[in-house]
Amino acid sequence: HCHQQSSGINAEYGCIEEDRRRVKERLFAKSGTRQQQAQEMLDSDKAYSLVLEQFEVNNCGGFRSIFPCANEAKYRPFFQHSGSLFTETVASKARQECARLQREAIAAKQNCGRIG
């Protein structure tokens, strides 16, 4: 009886290990070459752009679309976000603080020049 319980536990453990192995294979499996992955990514971006464009056409609310346009490549960099709104806000505040400190340093130098 004890042997049967032990056997059942071993079988269950074996199933768990098999599941883990399959999950690892799925997670770490490479799906094609880098070129294929890059092409899939590009295709995905194009598909997303088409869906987005169609949504905007259907929901323009009486406004006319000015982007995307024929020379889209020229303006695309202005619409790509490199970080989250939080990151951009923090960076903007840091730039403002740096500019303020620089202005104060310049003003202090100018005042020292007048006094001396």
PDB file of N, CA and C in Angstrom:
ATOM      1  N   HIS A   1       0.827  -1.188   0.000  1.00  0.00           N
ATOM      2  CA  HIS A   1       0.000   0.000   0.000  1.00  0.00           C
ATOM      3  C   HIS A   1       0.875   1.256   0.000  1.00  0.00           C
ATOM      4  N   CYS A   2       1.899   1.229   0.818  1.00  0.00           N
ATOM      5  CA  CYS A   2       2.815   2.363   0.883  1.00  0.00           C
ATOM      6  C   CYS A   2       3.524   2.545  -0.458  1.00  0.00           C
ATOM      7  N   HIS A   3       3.856   1.428  -1.104  1.00  0.00           N
ATOM      8  CA  HIS A   3       4.519   1.482  -2.402  1.00  0.00           C
ATOM      9  C   HIS A   3       3.607   2.119  -3.447  1.00  0.00           C
ATOM     10  N   GLN A   4       2.305   1.836  -3.380  1.00  0.00           N
ATOM     11  CA  GLN A   4       1.365   2.404  -4.330  1.00  0.00           C
ATOM     12  C   GLN A   4       1.260   3.918  -4.159  1.00  0.00           C
ATOM     13  N   GLN A   5       1.244   4.385  -2.905  1.00  0.00           N
ATOM     14  CA  GLN A   5       1.181   5.814  -2.665  1.00  0.00           C
ATOM     15  C   GLN A   5       2.434   6.500  -3.196  1.00  0.00           C
ATOM     16  N   SER A   6       3.571   5.868  -2.933  1.00  0.00           N
ATOM     17  CA  SER A   6       4.829   6.426  -3.399  1.00  0.00           C
ATOM     18  C   SER A   6       4.856   6.479  -4.920  1.00  0.00           C
ATOM     19  N   SER A   7       4.338   5.453  -5.560  1.00  0.00           N
ATOM     20  CA  SER A   7       4.310   5.402  -7.013  1.00  0.00           C
ATOM     21  C   SER A   7       3.425   6.508  -7.585  1.00  0.00           C
ATOM     22  N   GLY A   8       2.307   6.762  -6.939  1.00  0.00           N
ATOM     23  CA  GLY A   8       1.392   7.815  -7.381  1.00  0.00           C
ATOM     24  C   GLY A   8       2.030   9.190  -7.270  1.00  0.00           C
ATOM     25  N   ILE A   9       2.767   9.389  -6.190  1.00  0.00           N
ATOM     26  CA  ILE A   9       3.445  10.663  -5.977  1.00  0.00           C
ATOM     27  C   ILE A   9       4.524  10.853  -7.029  1.00  0.00           C
ATOM     28  N   ASN A  10       5.266   9.791  -7.310  1.00  0.00           N
ATOM     29  CA  ASN A  10       6.319   9.865  -8.327  1.00  0.00           C
ATOM     30  C   ASN A  10       5.734  10.168  -9.704  1.00  0.00           C
ATOM     31  N   ALA A  11       4.592   9.561 -10.015  1.00  0.00           N
ATOM     32  CA  ALA A  11       3.955   9.798 -11.303  1.00  0.00           C
ATOM     33  C   ALA A  11       3.506  11.263 -11.403  1.00  0.00           C
ATOM     34  N   GLU A  12       2.929  11.766 -10.310  1.00  0.00           N
ATOM     35  CA  GLU A  12       2.485  13.159 -10.296  1.00  0.00           C
ATOM     36  C   GLU A  12       3.682  14.093 -10.433  1.00  0.00           C
ATOM     37  N   TYR A  13       4.768  13.790  -9.725  1.00  0.00           N
ATOM     38  CA  TYR A  13       5.982  14.588  -9.804  1.00  0.00           C
ATOM     39  C   TYR A  13       6.539  14.562 -11.229  1.00  0.00           C
ATOM     40  N   GLY A  14       6.488  13.376 -11.857  1.00  0.00           N
ATOM     41  CA  GLY A  14       6.950  13.246 -13.237  1.00  0.00           C
ATOM     42  C   GLY A  14       6.135  14.103 -14.186  1.00  0.00           C
ATOM     43  N   CYS A  15       4.827  14.165 -13.970  1.00  0.00           N
ATOM     44  CA  CYS A  15       3.959  14.995 -14.804  1.00  0.00           C
ATOM     45  C   CYS A  15       4.294  16.474 -14.620  1.00  0.00           C
ATOM     46  N   ILE A  16       4.530  16.854 -13.375  1.00  0.00           N
ATOM     47  CA  ILE A  16       4.869  18.251 -13.099  1.00  0.00           C
ATOM     48  C   ILE A  16       6.181  18.612 -13.783  1.00  0.00           C
ATOM     49  N   GLU A  17       7.164  17.720 -13.683  1.00  0.00           N
ATOM     50  CA  GLU A  17       8.450  17.973 -14.330  1.00  0.00           C
ATOM     51  C   GLU A  17       8.307  18.051 -15.849  1.00  0.00           C
ATOM     52  N   GLU A  18       7.472  17.200 -16.412  1.00  0.00           N
ATOM     53  CA  GLU A  18       7.226  17.217 -17.858  1.00  0.00           C
ATOM     54  C   GLU A  18       6.577  18.547 -18.266  1.00  0.00           C
ATOM     55  N   ASP A  19       5.610  19.008 -17.472  1.00  0.00           N
ATOM     56  CA  ASP A  19       4.976  20.302 -17.748  1.00  0.00           C
ATOM     57  C   ASP A  19       5.999  21.430 -17.690  1.00  0.00           C
ATOM     58  N   ARG A  20       6.868  21.413 -16.688  1.00  0.00           N
ATOM     59  CA  ARG A  20       7.899  22.435 -16.570  1.00  0.00           C
ATOM     60  C   ARG A  20       8.816  22.431 -17.792  1.00  0.00           C
ATOM     61  N   ARG A  21       9.200  21.242 -18.222  1.00  0.00           N
ATOM     62  CA  ARG A  21      10.084  21.123 -19.386  1.00  0.00           C
ATOM     63  C   ARG A  21       9.410  21.710 -20.627  1.00  0.00           C
ATOM     64  N   ARG A  22       8.134  21.401 -20.818  1.00  0.00           N
ATOM     65  CA  ARG A  22       7.399  21.920 -21.976  1.00  0.00           C
ATOM     66  C   ARG A  22       7.280  23.442 -21.929  1.00  0.00           C
ATOM     67  N   VAL A  23       7.012  23.982 -20.742  1.00  0.00           N
ATOM     68  CA  VAL A  23       6.903  25.430 -20.600  1.00  0.00           C
ATOM     69  C   VAL A  23       8.235  26.088 -20.934  1.00  0.00           C
ATOM     70  N   LYS A  24       9.338  25.531 -20.426  1.00  0.00           N
ATOM     71  CA  LYS A  24      10.660  26.087 -20.724  1.00  0.00           C
ATOM     72  C   LYS A  24      10.942  26.054 -22.222  1.00  0.00           C
ATOM     73  N   GLU A  25      10.607  24.946 -22.859  1.00  0.00           N
ATOM     74  CA  GLU A  25      10.825  24.839 -24.309  1.00  0.00           C
ATOM     75  C   GLU A  25      10.032  25.915 -25.051  1.00  0.00           C
ATOM     76  N   ARG A  26       8.796  26.109 -24.629  1.00  0.00           N
ATOM     77  CA  ARG A  26       7.951  27.101 -25.289  1.00  0.00           C
ATOM     78  C   ARG A  26       8.475  28.515 -25.067  1.00  0.00           C
ATOM     79  N   LEU A  27       8.909  28.795 -23.846  1.00  0.00           N
ATOM     80  CA  LEU A  27       9.388  30.136 -23.527  1.00  0.00           C
ATOM     81  C   LEU A  27      10.717  30.470 -24.192  1.00  0.00           C
ATOM     82  N   PHE A  28      11.591  29.494 -24.259  1.00  0.00           N
ATOM     83  CA  PHE A  28      12.933  29.754 -24.764  1.00  0.00           C
ATOM     84  C   PHE A  28      13.136  29.334 -26.206  1.00  0.00           C
ATOM     85  N   ALA A  29      12.091  28.819 -26.834  1.00  0.00           N
ATOM     86  CA  ALA A  29      12.216  28.407 -28.231  1.00  0.00           C
ATOM     87  C   ALA A  29      12.380  29.639 -29.101  1.00  0.00           C
ATOM     88  N   LYS A  30      13.287  29.570 -30.036  1.00  0.00           N
ATOM     89  CA  LYS A  30      13.492  30.672 -30.970  1.00  0.00           C
ATOM     90  C   LYS A  30      12.585  30.450 -32.169  1.00  0.00           C
ATOM     91  N   SER A  31      11.817  31.456 -32.469  1.00  0.00           N
ATOM     92  CA  SER A  31      10.887  31.332 -33.587  1.00  0.00           C
ATOM     93  C   SER A  31      11.482  32.015 -34.813  1.00  0.00           C
ATOM     94  N   GLY A  32      12.365  31.318 -35.478  1.00  0.00           N
ATOM     95  CA  GLY A  32      12.936  31.843 -36.706  1.00  0.00           C
ATOM     96  C   GLY A  32      14.182  32.676 -36.473  1.00  0.00           C
ATOM     97  N   THR A  33      14.711  33.173 -37.560  1.00  0.00           N
ATOM     98  CA  THR A  33      15.925  33.980 -37.501  1.00  0.00           C
ATOM     99  C   THR A  33      15.585  35.399 -37.084  1.00  0.00           C
ATOM    100  N   ARG A  34      16.606  36.174 -36.851  1.00  0.00           N
ATOM    101  CA  ARG A  34      16.389  37.589 -36.483  1.00  0.00           C
ATOM    102  C   ARG A  34      15.691  38.335 -37.619  1.00  0.00           C
ATOM    103  N   GLN A  35      16.048  37.989 -38.845  1.00  0.00           N
ATOM    104  CA  GLN A  35      15.405  38.649 -39.989  1.00  0.00           C
ATOM    105  C   GLN A  35      13.914  38.344 -40.009  1.00  0.00           C
ATOM    106  N   GLN A  36      13.561  37.089 -39.756  1.00  0.00           N
ATOM    107  CA  GLN A  36      12.154  36.710 -39.731  1.00  0.00           C
ATOM    108  C   GLN A  36      11.428  37.430 -38.608  1.00  0.00           C
ATOM    109  N   GLN A  37      12.077  37.512 -37.439  1.00  0.00           N
ATOM    110  CA  GLN A  37      11.461  38.199 -36.310  1.00  0.00           C
ATOM    111  C   GLN A  37      11.289  39.683 -36.613  1.00  0.00           C
ATOM    112  N   ALA A  38      12.285  40.288 -37.247  1.00  0.00           N
ATOM    113  CA  ALA A  38      12.204  41.703 -37.603  1.00  0.00           C
ATOM    114  C   ALA A  38      11.074  41.929 -38.612  1.00  0.00           C
ATOM    115  N   GLN A  39      10.951  41.032 -39.585  1.00  0.00           N
ATOM    116  CA  GLN A  39       9.896  41.154 -40.584  1.00  0.00           C
ATOM    117  C   GLN A  39       8.522  40.998 -39.938  1.00  0.00           C
ATOM    118  N   GLU A  40       8.400  40.038 -39.002  1.00  0.00           N
ATOM    119  CA  GLU A  40       7.133  39.853 -38.294  1.00  0.00           C
ATOM    120  C   GLU A  40       6.773  41.112 -37.506  1.00  0.00           C
ATOM    121  N   MET A  41       7.768  41.728 -36.893  1.00  0.00           N
ATOM    122  CA  MET A  41       7.540  42.940 -36.129  1.00  0.00           C
ATOM    123  C   MET A  41       7.087  44.076 -37.046  1.00  0.00           C
ATOM    124  N   LEU A  42       7.753  44.206 -38.187  1.00  0.00           N
ATOM    125  CA  LEU A  42       7.392  45.232 -39.156  1.00  0.00           C
ATOM    126  C   LEU A  42       5.974  45.018 -39.676  1.00  0.00           C
ATOM    127  N   ASP A  43       5.642  43.773 -39.995  1.00  0.00           N
ATOM    128  CA  ASP A  43       4.293  43.448 -40.461  1.00  0.00           C
ATOM    129  C   ASP A  43       3.256  43.772 -39.395  1.00  0.00           C
ATOM    130  N   SER A  44       3.585  43.481 -38.150  1.00  0.00           N
ATOM    131  CA  SER A  44       2.682  43.771 -37.041  1.00  0.00           C
ATOM    132  C   SER A  44       2.466  45.272 -36.902  1.00  0.00           C
ATOM    133  N   ASP A  45       3.540  46.050 -37.026  1.00  0.00           N
ATOM    134  CA  ASP A  45       3.429  47.505 -36.957  1.00  0.00           C
ATOM    135  C   ASP A  45       2.573  48.051 -38.086  1.00  0.00           C
ATOM    136  N   LYS A  46       2.761  47.505 -39.279  1.00  0.00           N
ATOM    137  CA  LYS A  46       1.966  47.952 -40.428  1.00  0.00           C
ATOM    138  C   LYS A  46       0.489  47.632 -40.212  1.00  0.00           C
ATOM    139  N   ALA A  47       0.209  46.428 -39.714  1.00  0.00           N
ATOM    140  CA  ALA A  47      -1.177  46.031 -39.461  1.00  0.00           C
ATOM    141  C   ALA A  47      -1.803  46.951 -38.415  1.00  0.00           C
ATOM    142  N   TYR A  48      -1.047  47.264 -37.372  1.00  0.00           N
ATOM    143  CA  TYR A  48      -1.553  48.156 -36.331  1.00  0.00           C
ATOM    144  C   TYR A  48      -1.833  49.540 -36.912  1.00  0.00           C
ATOM    145  N   SER A  49      -0.939  50.035 -37.749  1.00  0.00           N
ATOM    146  CA  SER A  49      -1.130  51.351 -38.369  1.00  0.00           C
ATOM    147  C   SER A  49      -2.393  51.384 -39.220  1.00  0.00           C
ATOM    148  N   LEU A  50      -2.642  50.295 -39.956  1.00  0.00           N
ATOM    149  CA  LEU A  50      -3.841  50.232 -40.788  1.00  0.00           C
ATOM    150  C   LEU A  50      -5.105  50.245 -39.934  1.00  0.00           C
ATOM    151  N   VAL A  51      -5.098  49.484 -38.849  1.00  0.00           N
ATOM    152  CA  VAL A  51      -6.255  49.447 -37.952  1.00  0.00           C
ATOM    153  C   VAL A  51      -6.478  50.822 -37.331  1.00  0.00           C
ATOM    154  N   LEU A  52      -5.400  51.455 -36.891  1.00  0.00           N
ATOM    155  CA  LEU A  52      -5.489  52.780 -36.287  1.00  0.00           C
ATOM    156  C   LEU A  52      -6.006  53.808 -37.292  1.00  0.00           C
ATOM    157  N   GLU A  53      -5.486  53.746 -38.506  1.00  0.00           N
ATOM    158  CA  GLU A  53      -5.912  54.685 -39.539  1.00  0.00           C
ATOM    159  C   GLU A  53      -7.399  54.506 -39.841  1.00  0.00           C
ATOM    160  N   GLN A  54      -7.847  53.254 -39.936  1.00  0.00           N
ATOM    161  CA  GLN A  54      -9.255  52.991 -40.221  1.00  0.00           C
ATOM    162  C   GLN A  54     -10.142  53.495 -39.079  1.00  0.00           C
ATOM    163  N   PHE A  55      -9.702  53.306 -37.845  1.00  0.00           N
ATOM    164  CA  PHE A  55     -10.451  53.801 -36.692  1.00  0.00           C
ATOM    165  C   PHE A  55     -10.595  55.317 -36.763  1.00  0.00           C
ATOM    166  N   GLU A  56      -9.502  55.997 -37.090  1.00  0.00           N
ATOM    167  CA  GLU A  56      -9.535  57.457 -37.164  1.00  0.00           C
ATOM    168  C   GLU A  56     -10.454  57.935 -38.285  1.00  0.00           C
ATOM    169  N   VAL A  57     -10.442  57.231 -39.420  1.00  0.00           N
ATOM    170  CA  VAL A  57     -11.319  57.598 -40.530  1.00  0.00           C
ATOM    171  C   VAL A  57     -12.785  57.467 -40.101  1.00  0.00           C
ATOM    172  N   ASN A  58     -13.094  56.398 -39.382  1.00  0.00           N
ATOM    173  CA  ASN A  58     -14.472  56.144 -38.963  1.00  0.00           C
ATOM    174  C   ASN A  58     -14.911  57.035 -37.800  1.00  0.00           C
ATOM    175  N   ASN A  59     -13.970  57.615 -37.072  1.00  0.00           N
ATOM    176  CA  ASN A  59     -14.314  58.365 -35.867  1.00  0.00           C
ATOM    177  C   ASN A  59     -13.756  59.787 -35.878  1.00  0.00           C
ATOM    178  N   CYS A  60     -13.662  60.394 -37.055  1.00  0.00           N
ATOM    179  CA  CYS A  60     -13.042  61.714 -37.140  1.00  0.00           C
ATOM    180  C   CYS A  60     -13.946  62.824 -36.622  1.00  0.00           C
ATOM    181  N   GLY A  61     -15.229  62.590 -36.504  1.00  0.00           N
ATOM    182  CA  GLY A  61     -16.138  63.569 -35.919  1.00  0.00           C
ATOM    183  C   GLY A  61     -16.199  64.890 -36.663  1.00  0.00           C
ATOM    184  N   GLY A  62     -16.125  64.861 -37.960  1.00  0.00           N
ATOM    185  CA  GLY A  62     -16.217  66.090 -38.739  1.00  0.00           C
ATOM    186  C   GLY A  62     -14.881  66.774 -38.981  1.00  0.00           C
ATOM    187  N   PHE A  63     -13.828  66.279 -38.374  1.00  0.00           N
ATOM    188  CA  PHE A  63     -12.497  66.836 -38.607  1.00  0.00           C
ATOM    189  C   PHE A  63     -11.855  66.103 -39.768  1.00  0.00           C
ATOM    190  N   ARG A  64     -10.922  66.751 -40.427  1.00  0.00           N
ATOM    191  CA  ARG A  64     -10.186  66.064 -41.489  1.00  0.00           C
ATOM    192  C   ARG A  64      -8.834  65.618 -40.943  1.00  0.00           C
ATOM    193  N   SER A  65      -8.365  64.516 -41.433  1.00  0.00           N
ATOM    194  CA  SER A  65      -7.106  63.946 -40.967  1.00  0.00           C
ATOM    195  C   SER A  65      -5.938  64.625 -41.665  1.00  0.00           C
ATOM    196  N   ILE A  66      -4.930  65.023 -40.907  1.00  0.00           N
ATOM    197  CA  ILE A  66      -3.731  65.603 -41.502  1.00  0.00           C
ATOM    198  C   ILE A  66      -2.547  64.657 -41.391  1.00  0.00           C
ATOM    199  N   PHE A  67      -2.711  63.590 -40.641  1.00  0.00           N
ATOM    200  CA  PHE A  67      -1.665  62.576 -40.505  1.00  0.00           C
ATOM    201  C   PHE A  67      -2.331  61.254 -40.271  1.00  0.00           C
ATOM    202  N   PRO A  68      -1.957  60.165 -40.865  1.00  0.00           N
ATOM    203  CA  PRO A  68      -0.852  59.984 -41.798  1.00  0.00           C
ATOM    204  C   PRO A  68      -1.169  60.588 -43.155  1.00  0.00           C
ATOM    205  N   CYS A  69      -0.107  60.926 -43.857  1.00  0.00           N
ATOM    206  CA  CYS A  69      -0.234  61.573 -45.152  1.00  0.00           C
ATOM    207  C   CYS A  69       0.774  60.958 -46.126  1.00  0.00           C
ATOM    208  N   ALA A  70       0.848  61.536 -47.305  1.00  0.00           N
ATOM    209  CA  ALA A  70       1.731  60.987 -48.340  1.00  0.00           C
ATOM    210  C   ALA A  70       3.192  60.977 -47.908  1.00  0.00           C
ATOM    211  N   ASN A  71       3.642  62.018 -47.213  1.00  0.00           N
ATOM    212  CA  ASN A  71       5.038  62.068 -46.774  1.00  0.00           C
ATOM    213  C   ASN A  71       5.142  61.739 -45.279  1.00  0.00           C
ATOM    214  N   GLU A  72       4.511  60.660 -44.915  1.00  0.00           N
ATOM    215  CA  GLU A  72       4.427  60.214 -43.527  1.00  0.00           C
ATOM    216  C   GLU A  72       5.793  60.003 -42.884  1.00  0.00           C
ATOM    217  N   ALA A  73       6.744  59.479 -43.636  1.00  0.00           N
ATOM    218  CA  ALA A  73       8.067  59.178 -43.077  1.00  0.00           C
ATOM    219  C   ALA A  73       8.728  60.419 -42.489  1.00  0.00           C
ATOM    220  N   LYS A  74       8.431  61.578 -43.058  1.00  0.00           N
ATOM    221  CA  LYS A  74       9.019  62.831 -42.579  1.00  0.00           C
ATOM    222  C   LYS A  74       8.521  63.180 -41.172  1.00  0.00           C
ATOM    223  N   TYR A  75       7.261  62.883 -40.904  1.00  0.00           N
ATOM    224  CA  TYR A  75       6.654  63.283 -39.641  1.00  0.00           C
ATOM    225  C   TYR A  75       6.562  62.163 -38.601  1.00  0.00           C
ATOM    226  N   ARG A  76       6.754  60.920 -39.008  1.00  0.00           N
ATOM    227  CA  ARG A  76       6.609  59.773 -38.106  1.00  0.00           C
ATOM    228  C   ARG A  76       7.453  59.912 -36.825  1.00  0.00           C
ATOM    229  N   PRO A  77       8.704  60.374 -36.879  1.00  0.00           N
ATOM    230  CA  PRO A  77       9.491  60.470 -35.640  1.00  0.00           C
ATOM    231  C   PRO A  77       8.863  61.355 -34.569  1.00  0.00           C
ATOM    232  N   PHE A  78       8.059  62.327 -34.975  1.00  0.00           N
ATOM    233  CA  PHE A  78       7.434  63.212 -33.991  1.00  0.00           C
ATOM    234  C   PHE A  78       6.291  62.542 -33.237  1.00  0.00           C
ATOM    235  N   PHE A  79       5.812  61.423 -33.762  1.00  0.00           N
ATOM    236  CA  PHE A  79       4.691  60.735 -33.140  1.00  0.00           C
ATOM    237  C   PHE A  79       5.109  59.493 -32.372  1.00  0.00           C
ATOM    238  N   GLN A  80       6.366  59.153 -32.391  1.00  0.00           N
ATOM    239  CA  GLN A  80       6.826  57.960 -31.687  1.00  0.00           C
ATOM    240  C   GLN A  80       7.275  58.355 -30.298  1.00  0.00           C
ATOM    241  N   HIS A  81       6.745  57.653 -29.310  1.00  0.00           N
ATOM    242  CA  HIS A  81       7.062  57.951 -27.922  1.00  0.00           C
ATOM    243  C   HIS A  81       8.148  57.012 -27.440  1.00  0.00           C
ATOM    244  N   SER A  82       9.181  57.578 -26.867  1.00  0.00           N
ATOM    245  CA  SER A  82      10.294  56.753 -26.397  1.00  0.00           C
ATOM    246  C   SER A  82      10.066  56.237 -24.986  1.00  0.00           C
ATOM    247  N   GLY A  83       9.213  56.879 -24.231  1.00  0.00           N
ATOM    248  CA  GLY A  83       9.000  56.451 -22.860  1.00  0.00           C
ATOM    249  C   GLY A  83       7.582  56.727 -22.419  1.00  0.00           C
ATOM    250  N   SER A  84       7.326  56.451 -21.172  1.00  0.00           N
ATOM    251  CA  SER A  84       6.004  56.688 -20.630  1.00  0.00           C
ATOM    252  C   SER A  84       5.823  58.179 -20.348  1.00  0.00           C
ATOM    253  N   LEU A  85       4.602  58.558 -20.108  1.00  0.00           N
ATOM    254  CA  LEU A  85       4.314  59.942 -19.776  1.00  0.00           C
ATOM    255  C   LEU A  85       5.055  60.330 -18.499  1.00  0.00           C
ATOM    256  N   PHE A  86       5.114  59.414 -17.548  1.00  0.00           N
ATOM    257  CA  PHE A  86       5.832  59.672 -16.298  1.00  0.00           C
ATOM    258  C   PHE A  86       7.302  59.956 -16.575  1.00  0.00           C
ATOM    259  N   THR A  87       7.925  59.119 -17.403  1.00  0.00           N
ATOM    260  CA  THR A  87       9.343  59.290 -17.724  1.00  0.00           C
ATOM    261  C   THR A  87       9.573  60.628 -18.409  1.00  0.00           C
ATOM    262  N   GLU A  88       8.712  60.958 -19.364  1.00  0.00           N
ATOM    263  CA  GLU A  88       8.865  62.212 -20.081  1.00  0.00           C
ATOM    264  C   GLU A  88       8.664  63.402 -19.145  1.00  0.00           C
ATOM    265  N   THR A  89       7.716  63.289 -18.217  1.00  0.00           N
ATOM    266  CA  THR A  89       7.464  64.364 -17.265  1.00  0.00           C
ATOM    267  C   THR A  89       8.651  64.553 -16.340  1.00  0.00           C
ATOM    268  N   VAL A  90       9.191  63.460 -15.838  1.00  0.00           N
ATOM    269  CA  VAL A  90      10.354  63.535 -14.954  1.00  0.00           C
ATOM    270  C   VAL A  90      11.539  64.148 -15.684  1.00  0.00           C
ATOM    271  N   ALA A  91      11.764  63.733 -16.918  1.00  0.00           N
ATOM    272  CA  ALA A  91      12.869  64.280 -17.706  1.00  0.00           C
ATOM    273  C   ALA A  91      12.652  65.773 -17.959  1.00  0.00           C
ATOM    274  N   SER A  92      11.430  66.163 -18.242  1.00  0.00           N
ATOM    275  CA  SER A  92      11.124  67.569 -18.483  1.00  0.00           C
ATOM    276  C   SER A  92      11.390  68.400 -17.232  1.00  0.00           C
ATOM    277  N   LYS A  93      10.979  67.893 -16.079  1.00  0.00           N
ATOM    278  CA  LYS A  93      11.224  68.618 -14.824  1.00  0.00           C
ATOM    279  C   LYS A  93      12.721  68.728 -14.544  1.00  0.00           C
ATOM    280  N   ALA A  94      13.466  67.668 -14.844  1.00  0.00           N
ATOM    281  CA  ALA A  94      14.918  67.693 -14.641  1.00  0.00           C
ATOM    282  C   ALA A  94      15.564  68.736 -15.550  1.00  0.00           C
ATOM    283  N   ARG A  95      15.111  68.814 -16.811  1.00  0.00           N
ATOM    284  CA  ARG A  95      15.642  69.819 -17.727  1.00  0.00           C
ATOM    285  C   ARG A  95      15.325  71.233 -17.239  1.00  0.00           C
ATOM    286  N   GLN A  96      14.095  71.432 -16.749  1.00  0.00           N
ATOM    287  CA  GLN A  96      13.709  72.741 -16.238  1.00  0.00           C
ATOM    288  C   GLN A  96      14.578  73.135 -15.044  1.00  0.00           C
ATOM    289  N   GLU A  97      14.812  72.196 -14.142  1.00  0.00           N
ATOM    290  CA  GLU A  97      15.638  72.462 -12.970  1.00  0.00           C
ATOM    291  C   GLU A  97      17.068  72.789 -13.381  1.00  0.00           C
ATOM    292  N   CYS A  98      17.596  72.056 -14.328  1.00  0.00           N
ATOM    293  CA  CYS A  98      18.957  72.310 -14.823  1.00  0.00           C
ATOM    294  C   CYS A  98      19.044  73.699 -15.447  1.00  0.00           C
ATOM    295  N   ALA A  99      18.063  74.064 -16.248  1.00  0.00           N
ATOM    296  CA  ALA A  99      18.048  75.386 -16.878  1.00  0.00           C
ATOM    297  C   ALA A  99      17.969  76.481 -15.814  1.00  0.00           C
ATOM    298  N   ARG A 100      17.164  76.269 -14.771  1.00  0.00           N
ATOM    299  CA  ARG A 100      17.043  77.252 -13.692  1.00  0.00           C
ATOM    300  C   ARG A 100      18.387  77.438 -12.983  1.00  0.00           C
ATOM    301  N   LEU A 101      19.062  76.321 -12.700  1.00  0.00           N
ATOM    302  CA  LEU A 101      20.366  76.395 -12.037  1.00  0.00           C
ATOM    303  C   LEU A 101      21.396  77.111 -12.912  1.00  0.00           C
ATOM    304  N   GLN A 102      21.350  76.860 -14.202  1.00  0.00           N
ATOM    305  CA  GLN A 102      22.270  77.536 -15.118  1.00  0.00           C
ATOM    306  C   GLN A 102      21.997  79.034 -15.153  1.00  0.00           C
ATOM    307  N   ARG A 103      20.713  79.407 -15.189  1.00  0.00           N
ATOM    308  CA  ARG A 103      20.363  80.836 -15.180  1.00  0.00           C
ATOM    309  C   ARG A 103      20.847  81.496 -13.895  1.00  0.00           C
ATOM    310  N   GLU A 104      20.672  80.819 -12.761  1.00  0.00           N
ATOM    311  CA  GLU A 104      21.130  81.372 -11.485  1.00  0.00           C
ATOM    312  C   GLU A 104      22.654  81.520 -11.465  1.00  0.00           C
ATOM    313  N   ALA A 105      23.365  80.536 -12.024  1.00  0.00           N
ATOM    314  CA  ALA A 105      24.828  80.603 -12.060  1.00  0.00           C
ATOM    315  C   ALA A 105      25.288  81.766 -12.936  1.00  0.00           C
ATOM    316  N   ILE A 106      24.632  81.961 -14.067  1.00  0.00           N
ATOM    317  CA  ILE A 106      24.984  83.068 -14.963  1.00  0.00           C
ATOM    318  C   ILE A 106      24.705  84.400 -14.270  1.00  0.00           C
ATOM    319  N   ALA A 107      23.553  84.487 -13.611  1.00  0.00           N
ATOM    320  CA  ALA A 107      23.202  85.726 -12.904  1.00  0.00           C
ATOM    321  C   ALA A 107      24.201  85.996 -11.785  1.00  0.00           C
ATOM    322  N   ALA A 108      24.623  84.964 -11.072  1.00  0.00           N
ATOM    323  CA  ALA A 108      25.590  85.133  -9.982  1.00  0.00           C
ATOM    324  C   ALA A 108      26.930  85.613 -10.534  1.00  0.00           C
ATOM    325  N   LYS A 109      27.359  85.063 -11.660  1.00  0.00           N
ATOM    326  CA  LYS A 109      28.620  85.512 -12.273  1.00  0.00           C
ATOM    327  C   LYS A 109      28.520  86.977 -12.701  1.00  0.00           C
ATOM    328  N   GLN A 110      27.376  87.349 -13.258  1.00  0.00           N
ATOM    329  CA  GLN A 110      27.193  88.727 -13.701  1.00  0.00           C
ATOM    330  C   GLN A 110      27.203  89.681 -12.502  1.00  0.00           C
ATOM    331  N   ASN A 111      26.586  89.255 -11.420  1.00  0.00           N
ATOM    332  CA  ASN A 111      26.560  90.092 -10.208  1.00  0.00           C
ATOM    333  C   ASN A 111      27.949  90.219  -9.602  1.00  0.00           C
ATOM    334  N   CYS A 112      28.731  89.141  -9.624  1.00  0.00           N
ATOM    335  CA  CYS A 112      30.099  89.191  -9.104  1.00  0.00           C
ATOM    336  C   CYS A 112      30.943  90.144  -9.938  1.00  0.00           C
ATOM    337  N   GLY A 113      30.749  90.170 -11.212  1.00  0.00           N
ATOM    338  CA  GLY A 113      31.486  91.041 -12.108  1.00  0.00           C
ATOM    339  C   GLY A 113      31.171  92.510 -11.839  1.00  0.00           C
ATOM    340  N   ARG A 114      29.935  92.796 -11.484  1.00  0.00           N
ATOM    341  CA  ARG A 114      29.515  94.177 -11.223  1.00  0.00           C
ATOM    342  C   ARG A 114      30.065  94.680  -9.880  1.00  0.00           C
ATOM    343  N   ILE A 115      30.096  93.764  -8.908  1.00  0.00           N
ATOM    344  CA  ILE A 115      30.535  94.144  -7.561  1.00  0.00           C
ATOM    345  C   ILE A 115      32.030  94.357  -7.547  1.00  0.00           C
ATOM    346  N   GLY A 116      32.786  93.491  -8.193  1.00  0.00           N
ATOM    347  CA  GLY A 116      34.242  93.528  -8.122  1.00  0.00           C
ATOM    348  C   GLY A 116      34.872  94.500  -9.012  1.00  0.00           C
TER     349      GLY A 116
END
